[in-house]
C-alpha cells in the first residue's frame, strides 16, 4: 500500500513538473520571441514565475498540505532550490556548449549536447527536490501515539 501511495505521489509530482515546465517555456517563448527580451533575463523571469504554481501545486496536491504555508520553512527553501537549479543549469549548459565548441562540433551536435546537459542537470535536481519536499518541506507531522488505531 505504501508503494502505491509513493508511486501516486511521484506521478503527481511529475505532472506538476510538466505544468511548471510548460509554463516556463511558454513565458520564455513569449518574452524572447514576441517581446524581444534578452534570453538570460527572460529565462530567469520565466523560471521565477513558474516556480509559484509549482510550489502551491506541490504543497497542496502532491503532499496534501492544508495548513497555511510557512514562508520560512517551506517557501524560502523551495524557491532557493529553484533558483539554484536555474544557476546550476545555466552553468552546466555553458560548460557543455564551450566543450562542444572546443571540439569543433557543428550546431546540431552542440545543441543536442546542451539540451542533454540541461535535461540531466534538471533530472538530478528533480530527484533531489522530491526528496527534500517529501522529507522536510511538506512532510506530515507525526501522528500522536494516543490517536493511532490499535488492532483489535
N, C-alpha and C. Protein backbone atom coordinates (compact mmCIF):
# COMPACT_ATOMS: atom_id res chain seq x y z
N UNK A 1 0.82 -1.20 0.00
CA UNK A 1 0.00 0.00 0.00
C UNK A 1 0.86 1.25 0.00
N UNK A 2 1.93 1.24 0.79
CA UNK A 2 2.82 2.40 0.86
C UNK A 2 3.49 2.67 -0.49
N UNK A 3 3.85 1.59 -1.20
CA UNK A 3 4.47 1.73 -2.52
C UNK A 3 3.51 2.37 -3.51
N UNK A 4 2.23 2.01 -3.42
CA UNK A 4 1.22 2.59 -4.31
C UNK A 4 1.06 4.09 -4.02
N UNK A 5 1.04 4.45 -2.74
CA UNK A 5 0.93 5.87 -2.37
C UNK A 5 2.15 6.64 -2.85
N UNK A 6 3.33 6.05 -2.71
CA UNK A 6 4.56 6.70 -3.16
C UNK A 6 4.54 6.88 -4.67
N UNK A 7 4.11 5.85 -5.40
CA UNK A 7 4.03 5.94 -6.85
C UNK A 7 3.03 7.02 -7.28
N UNK A 8 1.89 7.07 -6.61
CA UNK A 8 0.88 8.09 -6.93
C UNK A 8 1.45 9.49 -6.67
N UNK A 9 2.20 9.64 -5.59
CA UNK A 9 2.81 10.92 -5.27
C UNK A 9 3.84 11.30 -6.34
N UNK A 10 4.63 10.33 -6.77
CA UNK A 10 5.63 10.58 -7.82
C UNK A 10 4.96 10.99 -9.14
N UNK A 11 3.85 10.36 -9.46
CA UNK A 11 3.13 10.71 -10.68
C UNK A 11 2.58 12.12 -10.59
N UNK A 12 2.01 12.48 -9.45
CA UNK A 12 1.51 13.86 -9.26
C UNK A 12 2.67 14.85 -9.33
N UNK A 13 3.80 14.49 -8.71
CA UNK A 13 4.99 15.35 -8.74
C UNK A 13 5.47 15.56 -10.18
N UNK A 14 5.46 14.50 -10.97
CA UNK A 14 5.85 14.61 -12.38
C UNK A 14 4.88 15.49 -13.16
N UNK A 15 3.58 15.37 -12.85
CA UNK A 15 2.58 16.20 -13.51
C UNK A 15 2.78 17.68 -13.18
N UNK A 16 3.08 17.96 -11.92
CA UNK A 16 3.36 19.36 -11.53
C UNK A 16 4.60 19.86 -12.25
N UNK A 17 5.60 19.03 -12.37
CA UNK A 17 6.81 19.41 -13.10
C UNK A 17 6.50 19.71 -14.56
N UNK A 18 5.61 18.93 -15.15
CA UNK A 18 5.22 19.18 -16.54
C UNK A 18 4.50 20.52 -16.67
N UNK A 19 3.58 20.79 -15.75
CA UNK A 19 2.87 22.08 -15.76
C UNK A 19 3.86 23.23 -15.61
N UNK A 20 4.77 23.10 -14.68
CA UNK A 20 5.78 24.13 -14.44
C UNK A 20 6.67 24.33 -15.66
N UNK A 21 7.07 23.25 -16.29
CA UNK A 21 7.93 23.34 -17.47
C UNK A 21 7.21 24.01 -18.64
N UNK A 22 5.96 23.62 -18.88
CA UNK A 22 5.18 24.24 -19.95
C UNK A 22 4.98 25.73 -19.67
N UNK A 23 4.70 26.08 -18.42
CA UNK A 23 4.54 27.48 -18.04
C UNK A 23 5.82 28.26 -18.31
N UNK A 24 6.94 27.73 -17.85
CA UNK A 24 8.22 28.42 -18.03
C UNK A 24 8.58 28.55 -19.51
N UNK A 25 8.41 27.48 -20.27
CA UNK A 25 8.76 27.54 -21.69
C UNK A 25 7.84 28.47 -22.47
N UNK A 26 6.56 28.51 -22.11
CA UNK A 26 5.63 29.44 -22.77
C UNK A 26 6.03 30.88 -22.48
N UNK A 27 6.29 31.17 -21.21
CA UNK A 27 6.71 32.53 -20.85
C UNK A 27 8.03 32.89 -21.53
N UNK A 28 8.97 31.96 -21.54
CA UNK A 28 10.26 32.21 -22.18
C UNK A 28 10.07 32.51 -23.66
N UNK A 29 9.24 31.72 -24.33
CA UNK A 29 8.98 31.96 -25.74
C UNK A 29 8.33 33.31 -26.00
N UNK A 30 7.36 33.68 -25.16
CA UNK A 30 6.71 34.98 -25.31
C UNK A 30 7.67 36.13 -25.07
N UNK A 31 8.47 36.00 -24.02
CA UNK A 31 9.40 37.09 -23.69
C UNK A 31 10.48 37.26 -24.76
N UNK A 32 11.06 36.16 -25.20
CA UNK A 32 12.14 36.24 -26.19
C UNK A 32 11.58 36.44 -27.59
N UNK A 33 10.61 35.61 -27.98
CA UNK A 33 10.11 35.63 -29.35
C UNK A 33 9.20 36.78 -29.68
N UNK A 34 8.33 37.15 -28.76
CA UNK A 34 7.35 38.21 -29.03
C UNK A 34 7.84 39.56 -28.53
N UNK A 35 8.31 39.60 -27.29
CA UNK A 35 8.71 40.88 -26.69
C UNK A 35 10.15 41.26 -27.05
N UNK A 36 10.94 40.31 -27.55
CA UNK A 36 12.32 40.61 -27.91
C UNK A 36 13.23 40.86 -26.72
N UNK A 37 12.86 40.29 -25.57
CA UNK A 37 13.66 40.49 -24.35
C UNK A 37 14.91 39.60 -24.40
N UNK A 38 15.96 39.98 -23.67
CA UNK A 38 17.17 39.15 -23.62
C UNK A 38 16.87 37.76 -23.05
N UNK A 39 17.49 36.73 -23.63
CA UNK A 39 17.20 35.35 -23.26
C UNK A 39 17.53 35.04 -21.80
N UNK A 40 18.66 35.51 -21.31
CA UNK A 40 19.07 35.20 -19.94
C UNK A 40 18.08 35.74 -18.92
N UNK A 41 17.73 37.00 -19.05
CA UNK A 41 16.78 37.61 -18.12
C UNK A 41 15.40 37.00 -18.28
N UNK A 42 15.03 36.70 -19.51
CA UNK A 42 13.73 36.08 -19.77
C UNK A 42 13.66 34.70 -19.12
N UNK A 43 14.74 33.94 -19.21
CA UNK A 43 14.78 32.62 -18.60
C UNK A 43 14.64 32.72 -17.08
N UNK A 44 15.34 33.67 -16.49
CA UNK A 44 15.26 33.86 -15.03
C UNK A 44 13.85 34.25 -14.62
N UNK A 45 13.24 35.18 -15.34
CA UNK A 45 11.88 35.62 -15.01
C UNK A 45 10.87 34.50 -15.21
N UNK A 46 10.97 33.79 -16.32
CA UNK A 46 10.04 32.69 -16.59
C UNK A 46 10.16 31.59 -15.53
N UNK A 47 11.39 31.29 -15.12
CA UNK A 47 11.59 30.28 -14.08
C UNK A 47 11.01 30.75 -12.76
N UNK A 48 11.24 32.01 -12.41
CA UNK A 48 10.71 32.55 -11.14
C UNK A 48 9.18 32.51 -11.13
N UNK A 49 8.57 32.90 -12.23
CA UNK A 49 7.10 32.91 -12.29
C UNK A 49 6.55 31.49 -12.23
N UNK A 50 7.16 30.56 -12.95
CA UNK A 50 6.68 29.17 -12.97
C UNK A 50 6.87 28.47 -11.63
N UNK A 51 7.77 28.98 -10.81
CA UNK A 51 8.01 28.38 -9.50
C UNK A 51 6.83 28.59 -8.56
N UNK A 52 6.08 29.66 -8.73
CA UNK A 52 4.94 29.94 -7.83
C UNK A 52 3.87 28.86 -7.94
N UNK A 53 3.33 28.57 -9.15
CA UNK A 53 2.34 27.48 -9.20
C UNK A 53 2.95 26.12 -8.86
N UNK A 54 4.22 25.93 -9.16
CA UNK A 54 4.88 24.68 -8.82
C UNK A 54 4.89 24.47 -7.30
N UNK A 55 5.22 25.51 -6.57
CA UNK A 55 5.23 25.43 -5.11
C UNK A 55 3.85 25.08 -4.57
N UNK A 56 2.85 25.82 -5.00
CA UNK A 56 1.49 25.60 -4.48
C UNK A 56 0.93 24.25 -4.88
N UNK A 57 1.14 23.84 -6.14
CA UNK A 57 0.63 22.54 -6.57
C UNK A 57 1.34 21.40 -5.82
N UNK A 58 2.64 21.52 -5.64
CA UNK A 58 3.37 20.50 -4.89
C UNK A 58 2.88 20.45 -3.45
N UNK A 59 2.78 21.60 -2.83
CA UNK A 59 2.38 21.65 -1.42
C UNK A 59 0.98 21.10 -1.21
N UNK A 60 0.04 21.51 -2.03
CA UNK A 60 -1.36 21.14 -1.81
C UNK A 60 -1.74 19.81 -2.46
N UNK A 61 -1.37 19.62 -3.73
CA UNK A 61 -1.86 18.46 -4.47
C UNK A 61 -0.96 17.23 -4.28
N UNK A 62 0.35 17.43 -4.37
CA UNK A 62 1.25 16.28 -4.25
C UNK A 62 1.35 15.82 -2.81
N UNK A 63 1.61 16.76 -1.88
CA UNK A 63 1.80 16.38 -0.49
C UNK A 63 0.58 16.62 0.39
N UNK A 64 -0.48 17.19 -0.15
CA UNK A 64 -1.73 17.33 0.58
C UNK A 64 -1.67 18.25 1.79
N UNK A 65 -0.77 19.22 1.79
CA UNK A 65 -0.66 20.15 2.91
C UNK A 65 -1.86 21.10 2.88
N UNK A 66 -2.58 21.16 3.96
CA UNK A 66 -3.77 22.03 4.05
C UNK A 66 -3.54 23.20 5.00
N UNK A 67 -2.61 23.07 5.90
CA UNK A 67 -2.33 24.17 6.83
C UNK A 67 -1.72 25.34 6.06
N UNK A 68 -1.72 26.52 6.68
CA UNK A 68 -1.15 27.67 6.00
C UNK A 68 0.33 27.44 5.73
N UNK A 69 0.77 27.99 4.62
CA UNK A 69 2.17 27.78 4.22
C UNK A 69 3.10 28.54 5.15
N UNK A 70 4.28 28.01 5.30
CA UNK A 70 5.31 28.67 6.09
C UNK A 70 6.32 29.28 5.13
N UNK A 71 6.41 30.59 5.13
CA UNK A 71 7.36 31.24 4.22
C UNK A 71 8.79 30.87 4.56
N UNK A 72 9.10 30.76 5.83
CA UNK A 72 10.47 30.45 6.23
C UNK A 72 10.80 28.97 6.07
N UNK A 73 9.90 28.09 6.49
CA UNK A 73 10.20 26.66 6.48
C UNK A 73 9.91 25.99 5.14
N UNK A 74 8.97 26.52 4.36
CA UNK A 74 8.59 25.88 3.11
C UNK A 74 8.94 26.70 1.87
N UNK A 75 8.41 27.90 1.78
CA UNK A 75 8.55 28.68 0.56
C UNK A 75 10.00 29.09 0.27
N UNK A 76 10.69 29.61 1.26
CA UNK A 76 12.07 30.08 1.03
C UNK A 76 12.99 28.96 0.56
N UNK A 77 12.99 27.78 1.21
CA UNK A 77 13.84 26.70 0.69
C UNK A 77 13.42 26.23 -0.70
N UNK A 78 12.12 26.19 -0.97
CA UNK A 78 11.63 25.74 -2.28
C UNK A 78 12.12 26.71 -3.36
N UNK A 79 11.96 28.00 -3.12
CA UNK A 79 12.39 28.99 -4.11
C UNK A 79 13.91 29.03 -4.23
N UNK A 80 14.62 28.84 -3.13
CA UNK A 80 16.09 28.79 -3.17
C UNK A 80 16.55 27.60 -4.01
N UNK A 81 15.88 26.48 -3.86
CA UNK A 81 16.24 25.30 -4.66
C UNK A 81 15.96 25.56 -6.14
N UNK A 82 14.85 26.20 -6.44
CA UNK A 82 14.54 26.52 -7.83
C UNK A 82 15.57 27.49 -8.41
N UNK A 83 15.97 28.48 -7.63
CA UNK A 83 16.99 29.43 -8.09
C UNK A 83 18.32 28.73 -8.28
N UNK A 84 18.68 27.84 -7.36
CA UNK A 84 19.95 27.13 -7.51
C UNK A 84 19.90 26.22 -8.74
N UNK A 85 18.72 25.67 -9.04
CA UNK A 85 18.57 24.87 -10.26
C UNK A 85 18.78 25.71 -11.51
N UNK A 86 18.25 26.92 -11.50
CA UNK A 86 18.44 27.83 -12.63
C UNK A 86 19.92 28.16 -12.79
N UNK A 87 20.58 28.48 -11.69
CA UNK A 87 22.02 28.83 -11.75
C UNK A 87 22.84 27.62 -12.19
N UNK A 88 22.57 26.46 -11.58
CA UNK A 88 23.34 25.26 -11.91
C UNK A 88 23.13 24.84 -13.36
N UNK A 89 21.90 24.90 -13.83
CA UNK A 89 21.64 24.51 -15.22
C UNK A 89 22.29 25.49 -16.19
N UNK A 90 22.26 26.76 -15.87
CA UNK A 90 22.92 27.76 -16.72
C UNK A 90 24.42 27.50 -16.78
N UNK A 91 25.02 27.20 -15.64
CA UNK A 91 26.46 26.92 -15.58
C UNK A 91 26.81 25.66 -16.36
N UNK A 92 26.07 24.57 -16.13
CA UNK A 92 26.40 23.32 -16.81
C UNK A 92 26.17 23.42 -18.32
N UNK A 93 25.13 24.13 -18.73
CA UNK A 93 24.87 24.32 -20.15
C UNK A 93 25.98 25.14 -20.79
N UNK A 94 26.43 26.17 -20.09
CA UNK A 94 27.53 26.99 -20.60
C UNK A 94 28.80 26.15 -20.78
N UNK A 95 29.11 25.33 -19.78
CA UNK A 95 30.30 24.48 -19.85
C UNK A 95 30.17 23.47 -21.00
N UNK A 96 29.00 22.87 -21.12
CA UNK A 96 28.79 21.89 -22.20
C UNK A 96 28.91 22.53 -23.57
N UNK A 97 28.36 23.73 -23.71
CA UNK A 97 28.45 24.43 -25.00
C UNK A 97 29.90 24.78 -25.34
N UNK A 98 30.62 25.25 -24.35
CA UNK A 98 32.04 25.59 -24.57
C UNK A 98 32.84 24.35 -24.94
N UNK A 99 32.55 23.23 -24.26
CA UNK A 99 33.24 21.97 -24.54
C UNK A 99 32.96 21.51 -25.97
N UNK A 100 31.68 21.52 -26.36
CA UNK A 100 31.30 21.09 -27.71
C UNK A 100 31.93 22.00 -28.77
N UNK A 101 31.97 23.28 -28.48
CA UNK A 101 32.59 24.23 -29.41
C UNK A 101 34.08 23.97 -29.54
N UNK A 102 34.74 23.70 -28.39
CA UNK A 102 36.18 23.45 -28.42
C UNK A 102 36.53 22.19 -29.21
N UNK A 103 35.59 21.27 -29.31
CA UNK A 103 35.80 20.05 -30.09
C UNK A 103 35.47 20.26 -31.57
N UNK A 104 34.99 21.45 -31.89
CA UNK A 104 34.66 21.77 -33.27
C UNK A 104 33.35 21.15 -33.75
N UNK A 105 32.48 20.78 -32.83
CA UNK A 105 31.21 20.17 -33.20
C UNK A 105 30.32 21.19 -33.90
N UNK A 106 29.48 20.71 -34.79
CA UNK A 106 28.55 21.57 -35.51
C UNK A 106 27.39 22.00 -34.63
N UNK A 107 26.54 22.81 -35.21
CA UNK A 107 25.41 23.39 -34.47
C UNK A 107 24.48 22.32 -33.91
N UNK A 108 24.16 21.31 -34.72
CA UNK A 108 23.23 20.27 -34.25
C UNK A 108 23.82 19.49 -33.07
N UNK A 109 25.07 19.06 -33.18
CA UNK A 109 25.70 18.30 -32.08
C UNK A 109 25.83 19.16 -30.84
N UNK A 110 26.17 20.42 -31.03
CA UNK A 110 26.29 21.34 -29.89
C UNK A 110 24.94 21.53 -29.21
N UNK A 111 23.89 21.70 -30.01
CA UNK A 111 22.55 21.89 -29.47
C UNK A 111 22.09 20.65 -28.71
N UNK A 112 22.30 19.47 -29.27
CA UNK A 112 21.92 18.22 -28.59
C UNK A 112 22.69 18.07 -27.28
N UNK A 113 23.97 18.43 -27.29
CA UNK A 113 24.79 18.35 -26.08
C UNK A 113 24.25 19.29 -25.00
N UNK A 114 23.92 20.50 -25.40
CA UNK A 114 23.38 21.49 -24.45
C UNK A 114 22.04 21.03 -23.90
N UNK A 115 21.17 20.52 -24.76
CA UNK A 115 19.86 20.06 -24.29
C UNK A 115 19.99 18.85 -23.37
N UNK A 116 20.87 17.92 -23.72
CA UNK A 116 21.08 16.74 -22.87
C UNK A 116 21.64 17.15 -21.51
N UNK A 117 22.54 18.10 -21.52
CA UNK A 117 23.12 18.58 -20.25
C UNK A 117 22.05 19.25 -19.40
N UNK A 118 21.22 20.07 -20.02
CA UNK A 118 20.14 20.73 -19.29
C UNK A 118 19.19 19.70 -18.71
N UNK A 119 18.81 18.72 -19.51
CA UNK A 119 17.90 17.68 -19.05
C UNK A 119 18.52 16.87 -17.90
N UNK A 120 19.77 16.51 -18.02
CA UNK A 120 20.44 15.74 -16.97
C UNK A 120 20.54 16.54 -15.67
N UNK A 121 20.89 17.82 -15.79
CA UNK A 121 21.00 18.67 -14.61
C UNK A 121 19.67 18.77 -13.89
N UNK A 122 18.61 19.07 -14.64
CA UNK A 122 17.30 19.19 -14.01
C UNK A 122 16.77 17.83 -13.54
N UNK A 123 17.17 16.74 -14.19
CA UNK A 123 16.78 15.41 -13.74
C UNK A 123 17.33 15.11 -12.35
N UNK A 124 18.60 15.43 -12.14
CA UNK A 124 19.21 15.22 -10.82
C UNK A 124 18.54 16.13 -9.80
N UNK A 125 18.33 17.38 -10.16
CA UNK A 125 17.68 18.31 -9.24
C UNK A 125 16.23 17.91 -8.96
N UNK A 126 15.56 17.33 -9.94
CA UNK A 126 14.18 16.89 -9.77
C UNK A 126 14.10 15.85 -8.66
N UNK A 127 15.01 14.89 -8.69
CA UNK A 127 15.05 13.84 -7.66
C UNK A 127 15.39 14.45 -6.30
N UNK A 128 16.40 15.32 -6.27
CA UNK A 128 16.79 15.97 -5.02
C UNK A 128 15.64 16.79 -4.44
N UNK A 129 14.93 17.53 -5.30
CA UNK A 129 13.82 18.36 -4.82
C UNK A 129 12.69 17.48 -4.29
N UNK A 130 12.41 16.36 -4.94
CA UNK A 130 11.37 15.46 -4.45
C UNK A 130 11.71 14.99 -3.04
N UNK A 131 12.92 14.54 -2.83
CA UNK A 131 13.34 14.04 -1.52
C UNK A 131 13.25 15.16 -0.48
N UNK A 132 13.72 16.35 -0.83
CA UNK A 132 13.66 17.49 0.09
C UNK A 132 12.22 17.83 0.45
N UNK A 133 11.34 17.88 -0.55
CA UNK A 133 9.94 18.19 -0.28
C UNK A 133 9.30 17.10 0.57
N UNK A 134 9.58 15.85 0.24
CA UNK A 134 8.96 14.74 0.94
C UNK A 134 9.45 14.60 2.38
N UNK A 135 10.73 14.80 2.61
CA UNK A 135 11.32 14.56 3.93
C UNK A 135 11.33 15.79 4.83
N UNK A 136 11.34 16.99 4.23
CA UNK A 136 11.48 18.19 5.05
C UNK A 136 10.37 19.22 4.87
N UNK A 137 10.19 19.69 3.65
CA UNK A 137 9.32 20.85 3.45
C UNK A 137 7.84 20.57 3.68
N UNK A 138 7.33 19.47 3.13
CA UNK A 138 5.89 19.22 3.18
C UNK A 138 5.53 17.95 3.94
N UNK A 139 6.44 17.43 4.71
CA UNK A 139 6.14 16.19 5.42
C UNK A 139 4.99 16.43 6.41
N UNK A 140 4.24 15.39 6.59
CA UNK A 140 3.13 15.45 7.54
C UNK A 140 3.67 15.33 8.95
N UNK A 141 3.06 16.04 9.90
CA UNK A 141 3.50 15.88 11.28
C UNK A 141 3.20 14.47 11.75
N UNK A 142 4.01 13.95 12.66
CA UNK A 142 3.76 12.59 13.15
C UNK A 142 2.42 12.50 13.87
N UNK A 143 1.80 11.35 13.73
CA UNK A 143 0.51 11.10 14.39
C UNK A 143 0.78 10.80 15.86
N UNK A 144 0.10 11.52 16.78
CA UNK A 144 0.31 11.24 18.21
C UNK A 144 -0.03 9.79 18.54
N UNK A 145 0.69 9.24 19.48
CA UNK A 145 0.54 7.83 19.85
C UNK A 145 -0.89 7.52 20.26
N UNK A 146 -1.53 8.39 21.03
CA UNK A 146 -2.87 8.10 21.53
C UNK A 146 -3.93 8.10 20.43
N UNK A 147 -3.67 8.73 19.27
CA UNK A 147 -4.69 8.75 18.22
C UNK A 147 -4.46 7.65 17.19
N UNK A 148 -3.40 6.88 17.32
CA UNK A 148 -3.17 5.77 16.40
C UNK A 148 -4.14 4.63 16.75
N UNK A 149 -4.65 4.01 15.71
CA UNK A 149 -5.57 2.89 15.97
C UNK A 149 -4.77 1.65 16.32
N UNK A 150 -5.31 0.89 17.23
CA UNK A 150 -4.64 -0.35 17.62
C UNK A 150 -5.48 -1.51 17.12
N UNK A 151 -4.80 -2.54 16.65
CA UNK A 151 -5.56 -3.71 16.15
C UNK A 151 -6.35 -4.37 17.27
N UNK A 152 -7.53 -4.83 16.93
CA UNK A 152 -8.39 -5.48 17.95
C UNK A 152 -8.06 -6.93 18.13
